[in-house]
């Protein structure tokens, strides 16, 4: 069965999120000495563990979506909202920038739109049929 364009774009977007997590892990490891000197080693290690976990989880979701696997759809329905929940928990618990509070409303709107878009798209009967074929 031919992959719908919307699923191709979604798989690409999820893969970009996975790649972004790889980049975040790389950036954190490059700053590890500085963070250690500032007493932030635990936060750096949390970022690394979370980043590696989500890079793998999101790459798995993207691959399942790309290959139109039934488990890929289900995994994406779990992984994408859970990823954004993790982003918010990390943001609220670990970020200390003064401007962070100012960016919350737009961040929340974008998060709701992203999660709603993914769940909405993957819940469409036509898309569900593609994954069940």
N, C-alpha and C. Protein backbone atom coordinates (compact mmCIF):
# COMPACT_ATOMS: atom_id res chain seq x y z
N UNK A 1 0.84 -1.18 0.00
CA UNK A 1 0.00 0.00 0.00
C UNK A 1 0.89 1.25 0.00
N UNK A 2 0.45 2.23 -0.75
CA UNK A 2 1.21 3.47 -0.85
C UNK A 2 1.06 4.29 0.43
N UNK A 3 2.18 4.85 0.88
CA UNK A 3 2.19 5.65 2.10
C UNK A 3 1.57 7.02 1.81
N UNK A 4 0.57 7.45 2.60
CA UNK A 4 0.00 8.79 2.41
C UNK A 4 1.05 9.87 2.69
N UNK A 5 0.92 10.98 2.01
CA UNK A 5 1.86 12.09 2.17
C UNK A 5 1.87 12.56 3.63
N UNK A 6 0.70 12.58 4.25
CA UNK A 6 0.63 13.05 5.64
C UNK A 6 1.46 12.15 6.56
N UNK A 7 1.48 10.86 6.32
CA UNK A 7 2.27 9.95 7.14
C UNK A 7 3.75 10.12 6.83
N UNK A 8 4.08 10.35 5.58
CA UNK A 8 5.47 10.61 5.22
C UNK A 8 5.98 11.85 5.95
N UNK A 9 5.17 12.91 5.95
CA UNK A 9 5.57 14.15 6.63
C UNK A 9 5.66 13.94 8.14
N UNK A 10 4.71 13.19 8.70
CA UNK A 10 4.74 12.92 10.13
C UNK A 10 5.96 12.10 10.51
N UNK A 11 6.25 11.06 9.74
CA UNK A 11 7.44 10.24 10.02
C UNK A 11 8.69 11.10 9.95
N UNK A 12 8.76 11.98 8.97
CA UNK A 12 9.91 12.88 8.86
C UNK A 12 10.02 13.81 10.04
N UNK A 13 8.89 14.36 10.49
CA UNK A 13 8.90 15.26 11.64
C UNK A 13 9.33 14.53 12.91
N UNK A 14 8.86 13.31 13.09
CA UNK A 14 9.25 12.53 14.28
C UNK A 14 10.74 12.19 14.21
N UNK A 15 11.22 11.89 13.01
CA UNK A 15 12.65 11.62 12.85
C UNK A 15 13.47 12.88 13.17
N UNK A 16 12.98 14.04 12.77
CA UNK A 16 13.68 15.29 13.09
C UNK A 16 13.74 15.50 14.60
N UNK A 17 12.66 15.17 15.31
CA UNK A 17 12.69 15.25 16.77
C UNK A 17 13.74 14.30 17.35
N UNK A 18 13.85 13.10 16.77
CA UNK A 18 14.87 12.14 17.23
C UNK A 18 16.27 12.70 16.97
N UNK A 19 16.46 13.28 15.79
CA UNK A 19 17.77 13.86 15.46
C UNK A 19 18.08 15.04 16.38
N UNK A 20 17.07 15.82 16.72
CA UNK A 20 17.27 16.93 17.64
C UNK A 20 17.73 16.43 19.00
N UNK A 21 17.19 15.31 19.44
CA UNK A 21 17.61 14.74 20.71
C UNK A 21 19.08 14.29 20.65
N UNK A 22 19.48 13.72 19.53
CA UNK A 22 20.89 13.34 19.36
C UNK A 22 21.76 14.59 19.45
N UNK A 23 21.35 15.66 18.81
CA UNK A 23 22.10 16.91 18.85
C UNK A 23 22.18 17.45 20.29
N UNK A 24 21.08 17.37 21.02
CA UNK A 24 21.07 17.84 22.41
C UNK A 24 22.04 17.03 23.27
N UNK A 25 22.08 15.73 23.05
CA UNK A 25 23.02 14.88 23.80
C UNK A 25 24.46 15.28 23.45
N UNK A 26 24.72 15.46 22.17
CA UNK A 26 26.06 15.87 21.74
C UNK A 26 26.44 17.21 22.38
N UNK A 27 25.54 18.19 22.32
CA UNK A 27 25.82 19.51 22.88
C UNK A 27 26.06 19.43 24.39
N UNK A 28 25.28 18.61 25.06
CA UNK A 28 25.46 18.47 26.51
C UNK A 28 26.80 17.82 26.83
N UNK A 29 27.18 16.80 26.07
CA UNK A 29 28.47 16.15 26.34
C UNK A 29 29.63 17.11 26.08
N UNK A 30 29.46 18.03 25.13
CA UNK A 30 30.51 19.00 24.85
C UNK A 30 30.66 20.00 26.00
N UNK A 31 29.60 20.23 26.74
CA UNK A 31 29.61 21.19 27.85
C UNK A 31 29.73 20.51 29.22
N UNK A 32 29.99 19.21 29.22
CA UNK A 32 29.98 18.45 30.47
C UNK A 32 31.01 18.96 31.48
N UNK A 33 32.21 19.28 31.04
CA UNK A 33 33.23 19.80 31.97
C UNK A 33 32.80 21.11 32.61
N UNK A 34 32.28 22.01 31.80
CA UNK A 34 31.80 23.29 32.32
C UNK A 34 30.67 23.07 33.32
N UNK A 35 29.73 22.21 32.97
CA UNK A 35 28.60 21.94 33.87
C UNK A 35 29.08 21.28 35.16
N UNK A 36 30.08 20.43 35.06
CA UNK A 36 30.65 19.81 36.26
C UNK A 36 31.27 20.89 37.15
N UNK A 37 32.01 21.82 36.54
CA UNK A 37 32.64 22.90 37.31
C UNK A 37 31.61 23.81 37.99
N UNK A 38 30.44 23.93 37.37
CA UNK A 38 29.38 24.78 37.92
C UNK A 38 28.47 24.02 38.89
N UNK A 39 28.77 22.74 39.11
CA UNK A 39 27.94 21.94 40.01
C UNK A 39 26.65 21.46 39.38
N UNK A 40 26.64 21.39 38.06
CA UNK A 40 25.43 21.00 37.34
C UNK A 40 25.58 19.64 36.66
N UNK A 41 26.48 18.82 37.17
CA UNK A 41 26.73 17.52 36.54
C UNK A 41 25.48 16.63 36.54
N UNK A 42 24.73 16.65 37.62
CA UNK A 42 23.53 15.81 37.70
C UNK A 42 22.52 16.22 36.63
N UNK A 43 22.35 17.52 36.44
CA UNK A 43 21.43 18.00 35.41
C UNK A 43 21.92 17.59 34.03
N UNK A 44 23.22 17.67 33.80
CA UNK A 44 23.77 17.24 32.51
C UNK A 44 23.51 15.76 32.26
N UNK A 45 23.71 14.96 33.28
CA UNK A 45 23.47 13.52 33.13
C UNK A 45 22.00 13.22 32.89
N UNK A 46 21.12 13.96 33.53
CA UNK A 46 19.68 13.80 33.27
C UNK A 46 19.38 14.14 31.82
N UNK A 47 19.93 15.24 31.32
CA UNK A 47 19.73 15.62 29.92
C UNK A 47 20.23 14.53 28.98
N UNK A 48 21.38 13.96 29.28
CA UNK A 48 21.95 12.92 28.41
C UNK A 48 21.06 11.68 28.41
N UNK A 49 20.66 11.23 29.58
CA UNK A 49 19.82 10.02 29.66
C UNK A 49 18.48 10.24 28.96
N UNK A 50 17.86 11.37 29.23
CA UNK A 50 16.57 11.67 28.58
C UNK A 50 16.76 11.78 27.07
N UNK A 51 17.81 12.44 26.64
CA UNK A 51 18.06 12.61 25.21
C UNK A 51 18.28 11.30 24.49
N UNK A 52 19.10 10.44 25.05
CA UNK A 52 19.36 9.14 24.42
C UNK A 52 18.08 8.31 24.37
N UNK A 53 17.34 8.31 25.46
CA UNK A 53 16.09 7.55 25.52
C UNK A 53 15.11 8.02 24.46
N UNK A 54 14.92 9.32 24.37
CA UNK A 54 13.97 9.83 23.39
C UNK A 54 14.49 9.75 21.96
N UNK A 55 15.78 9.85 21.76
CA UNK A 55 16.31 9.66 20.40
C UNK A 55 15.97 8.26 19.90
N UNK A 56 16.17 7.27 20.75
CA UNK A 56 15.85 5.89 20.36
C UNK A 56 14.34 5.69 20.20
N UNK A 57 13.57 6.18 21.17
CA UNK A 57 12.12 6.00 21.11
C UNK A 57 11.47 6.69 19.94
N UNK A 58 11.90 7.90 19.65
CA UNK A 58 11.33 8.64 18.52
C UNK A 58 11.80 8.08 17.18
N UNK A 59 13.04 7.62 17.11
CA UNK A 59 13.51 6.99 15.88
C UNK A 59 12.73 5.71 15.60
N UNK A 60 12.43 4.96 16.64
CA UNK A 60 11.62 3.75 16.49
C UNK A 60 10.22 4.12 15.99
N UNK A 61 9.62 5.15 16.55
CA UNK A 61 8.29 5.60 16.10
C UNK A 61 8.33 6.05 14.65
N UNK A 62 9.35 6.82 14.29
CA UNK A 62 9.47 7.29 12.90
C UNK A 62 9.62 6.12 11.94
N UNK A 63 10.44 5.14 12.32
CA UNK A 63 10.61 3.97 11.46
C UNK A 63 9.33 3.18 11.31
N UNK A 64 8.59 3.01 12.39
CA UNK A 64 7.32 2.30 12.32
C UNK A 64 6.30 3.03 11.47
N UNK A 65 6.26 4.35 11.58
CA UNK A 65 5.36 5.13 10.74
C UNK A 65 5.77 5.05 9.27
N UNK A 66 7.07 5.18 9.02
CA UNK A 66 7.57 5.15 7.65
C UNK A 66 7.23 3.83 6.95
N UNK A 67 7.36 2.73 7.70
CA UNK A 67 7.12 1.40 7.14
C UNK A 67 5.66 0.97 7.26
N UNK A 68 4.81 1.87 7.76
CA UNK A 68 3.37 1.62 7.90
C UNK A 68 3.07 0.40 8.76
N UNK A 69 3.81 0.23 9.81
CA UNK A 69 3.60 -0.87 10.74
C UNK A 69 2.51 -0.50 11.74
N UNK A 70 1.67 -1.45 12.06
CA UNK A 70 0.60 -1.22 13.03
C UNK A 70 1.18 -0.78 14.37
N UNK A 71 2.26 -1.44 14.80
CA UNK A 71 2.89 -1.07 16.07
C UNK A 71 3.48 0.34 16.00
N UNK A 72 3.90 0.77 14.80
CA UNK A 72 4.47 2.12 14.64
C UNK A 72 3.43 3.19 14.92
N UNK A 73 2.20 2.96 14.45
CA UNK A 73 1.12 3.90 14.73
C UNK A 73 0.84 3.95 16.23
N UNK A 74 0.72 2.79 16.84
CA UNK A 74 0.44 2.74 18.29
C UNK A 74 1.59 3.37 19.08
N UNK A 75 2.82 3.04 18.68
CA UNK A 75 3.98 3.59 19.40
C UNK A 75 4.02 5.11 19.26
N UNK A 76 3.73 5.62 18.07
CA UNK A 76 3.73 7.07 17.87
C UNK A 76 2.64 7.73 18.71
N UNK A 77 1.48 7.09 18.85
CA UNK A 77 0.40 7.64 19.68
C UNK A 77 0.80 7.71 21.15
N UNK A 78 1.71 6.85 21.56
CA UNK A 78 2.20 6.88 22.94
C UNK A 78 3.42 7.79 23.05
N UNK A 79 4.37 7.61 22.13
CA UNK A 79 5.67 8.28 22.25
C UNK A 79 5.61 9.79 22.07
N UNK A 80 4.85 10.26 21.10
CA UNK A 80 4.84 11.70 20.83
C UNK A 80 4.24 12.49 22.01
N UNK A 81 3.06 12.13 22.52
CA UNK A 81 2.58 12.86 23.70
C UNK A 81 3.50 12.70 24.92
N UNK A 82 4.03 11.51 25.12
CA UNK A 82 4.93 11.29 26.26
C UNK A 82 6.21 12.12 26.11
N UNK A 83 6.71 12.23 24.89
CA UNK A 83 7.89 13.06 24.65
C UNK A 83 7.62 14.50 25.05
N UNK A 84 6.50 15.05 24.59
CA UNK A 84 6.21 16.45 24.91
C UNK A 84 5.93 16.64 26.39
N UNK A 85 5.35 15.64 27.04
CA UNK A 85 5.18 15.71 28.48
C UNK A 85 6.54 15.77 29.17
N UNK A 86 7.47 14.96 28.70
CA UNK A 86 8.83 14.97 29.26
C UNK A 86 9.50 16.33 29.03
N UNK A 87 9.30 16.89 27.85
CA UNK A 87 9.87 18.21 27.56
C UNK A 87 9.35 19.23 28.57
N UNK A 88 8.06 19.19 28.86
CA UNK A 88 7.49 20.15 29.80
C UNK A 88 7.96 19.91 31.22
N UNK A 89 8.05 18.66 31.64
CA UNK A 89 8.54 18.36 32.99
C UNK A 89 9.97 18.85 33.12
N UNK A 90 10.78 18.55 32.11
CA UNK A 90 12.18 18.99 32.13
C UNK A 90 12.26 20.52 32.12
N UNK A 91 11.43 21.14 31.31
CA UNK A 91 11.43 22.59 31.21
C UNK A 91 11.06 23.24 32.55
N UNK A 92 10.01 22.74 33.18
CA UNK A 92 9.56 23.33 34.43
C UNK A 92 10.48 23.01 35.60
N UNK A 93 11.14 21.86 35.56
CA UNK A 93 11.99 21.45 36.68
C UNK A 93 13.42 21.93 36.56
N UNK A 94 13.94 22.03 35.34
CA UNK A 94 15.38 22.26 35.19
C UNK A 94 15.77 23.61 34.59
N UNK A 95 14.87 24.27 33.88
CA UNK A 95 15.27 25.53 33.26
C UNK A 95 15.20 26.67 34.26
N UNK A 96 16.20 27.50 34.20
CA UNK A 96 16.29 28.62 35.15
C UNK A 96 16.39 29.98 34.45
N UNK A 97 16.11 30.04 33.17
CA UNK A 97 16.20 31.31 32.45
C UNK A 97 15.05 32.23 32.86
N UNK A 98 15.35 33.52 32.96
CA UNK A 98 14.34 34.49 33.37
C UNK A 98 13.21 34.60 32.34
N UNK A 99 13.52 34.41 31.07
CA UNK A 99 12.52 34.56 30.02
C UNK A 99 11.66 33.31 29.83
N UNK A 100 12.00 32.22 30.52
CA UNK A 100 11.25 30.96 30.32
C UNK A 100 9.77 31.13 30.61
N UNK A 101 9.44 31.88 31.64
CA UNK A 101 8.04 32.09 32.00
C UNK A 101 7.30 32.81 30.87
N UNK A 102 7.99 33.71 30.19
CA UNK A 102 7.35 34.46 29.11
C UNK A 102 7.06 33.60 27.89
N UNK A 103 7.81 32.54 27.70
CA UNK A 103 7.63 31.69 26.53
C UNK A 103 6.65 30.54 26.77
N UNK A 104 6.19 30.38 27.99
CA UNK A 104 5.28 29.26 28.31
C UNK A 104 3.98 29.27 27.51
N UNK A 105 3.27 30.39 27.42
CA UNK A 105 1.98 30.33 26.71
C UNK A 105 2.11 29.87 25.25
N UNK A 106 3.04 30.44 24.51
CA UNK A 106 3.22 30.02 23.13
C UNK A 106 3.71 28.58 23.06
N UNK A 107 4.62 28.21 23.95
CA UNK A 107 5.10 26.84 23.99
C UNK A 107 3.98 25.85 24.25
N UNK A 108 3.09 26.21 25.15
CA UNK A 108 1.95 25.34 25.46
C UNK A 108 1.01 25.23 24.27
N UNK A 109 0.75 26.33 23.61
CA UNK A 109 -0.12 26.31 22.41
C UNK A 109 0.50 25.42 21.34
N UNK A 110 1.79 25.58 21.08
CA UNK A 110 2.45 24.77 20.06
C UNK A 110 2.49 23.30 20.44
N UNK A 111 2.68 23.02 21.72
CA UNK A 111 2.69 21.62 22.17
C UNK A 111 1.33 20.99 21.98
N UNK A 112 0.27 21.69 22.38
CA UNK A 112 -1.09 21.17 22.21
C UNK A 112 -1.40 20.96 20.74
N UNK A 113 -0.98 21.89 19.89
CA UNK A 113 -1.22 21.75 18.45
C UNK A 113 -0.46 20.55 17.88
N UNK A 114 0.79 20.37 18.31
CA UNK A 114 1.59 19.24 17.80
C UNK A 114 1.01 17.91 18.24
N UNK A 115 0.72 17.78 19.53
CA UNK A 115 0.18 16.52 20.04
C UNK A 115 -1.21 16.28 19.46
N UNK A 116 -2.03 17.31 19.43
CA UNK A 116 -3.37 17.17 18.85
C UNK A 116 -3.32 16.80 17.38
N UNK A 117 -2.38 17.39 16.66
CA UNK A 117 -2.24 17.07 15.24
C UNK A 117 -1.84 15.62 15.01
N UNK A 118 -0.89 15.14 15.80
CA UNK A 118 -0.43 13.76 15.67
C UNK A 118 -1.54 12.79 16.03
N UNK A 119 -2.16 13.00 17.18
CA UNK A 119 -3.23 12.10 17.62
C UNK A 119 -4.41 12.18 16.65
N UNK A 120 -4.76 13.38 16.23
CA UNK A 120 -5.86 13.54 15.28
C UNK A 120 -5.59 12.85 13.96
N UNK A 121 -4.41 13.05 13.42
CA UNK A 121 -4.06 12.43 12.15
C UNK A 121 -4.07 10.91 12.25
N UNK A 122 -3.42 10.39 13.28
CA UNK A 122 -3.33 8.94 13.41
C UNK A 122 -4.65 8.29 13.82
N UNK A 123 -5.63 9.10 14.20
CA UNK A 123 -6.94 8.58 14.57
C UNK A 123 -7.94 8.63 13.42
N UNK A 124 -7.58 9.26 12.32
CA UNK A 124 -8.49 9.31 11.17
C UNK A 124 -8.76 7.90 10.65
N UNK A 125 -10.01 7.61 10.31
CA UNK A 125 -10.33 6.25 9.82
C UNK A 125 -9.50 5.84 8.60
N UNK A 126 -9.28 6.76 7.68
CA UNK A 126 -8.50 6.44 6.47
C UNK A 126 -7.07 6.08 6.83
N UNK A 127 -6.49 6.81 7.77
CA UNK A 127 -5.10 6.54 8.20
C UNK A 127 -5.04 5.23 8.99
N UNK A 128 -6.02 5.00 9.84
CA UNK A 128 -6.05 3.74 10.60
C UNK A 128 -6.12 2.56 9.65
N UNK A 129 -6.89 2.70 8.57
CA UNK A 129 -7.02 1.61 7.59
C UNK A 129 -5.70 1.33 6.91
N UNK A 130 -4.91 2.37 6.66
CA UNK A 130 -3.61 2.19 6.03
C UNK A 130 -2.71 1.32 6.91
N UNK A 131 -2.74 1.57 8.20
CA UNK A 131 -1.89 0.82 9.13
C UNK A 131 -2.43 -0.58 9.41
N UNK A 132 -3.72 -0.79 9.20
CA UNK A 132 -4.30 -2.11 9.44
C UNK A 132 -4.27 -3.01 8.21
N UNK A 133 -3.87 -2.43 7.07
CA UNK A 133 -3.86 -3.22 5.82
C UNK A 133 -2.74 -4.24 5.80
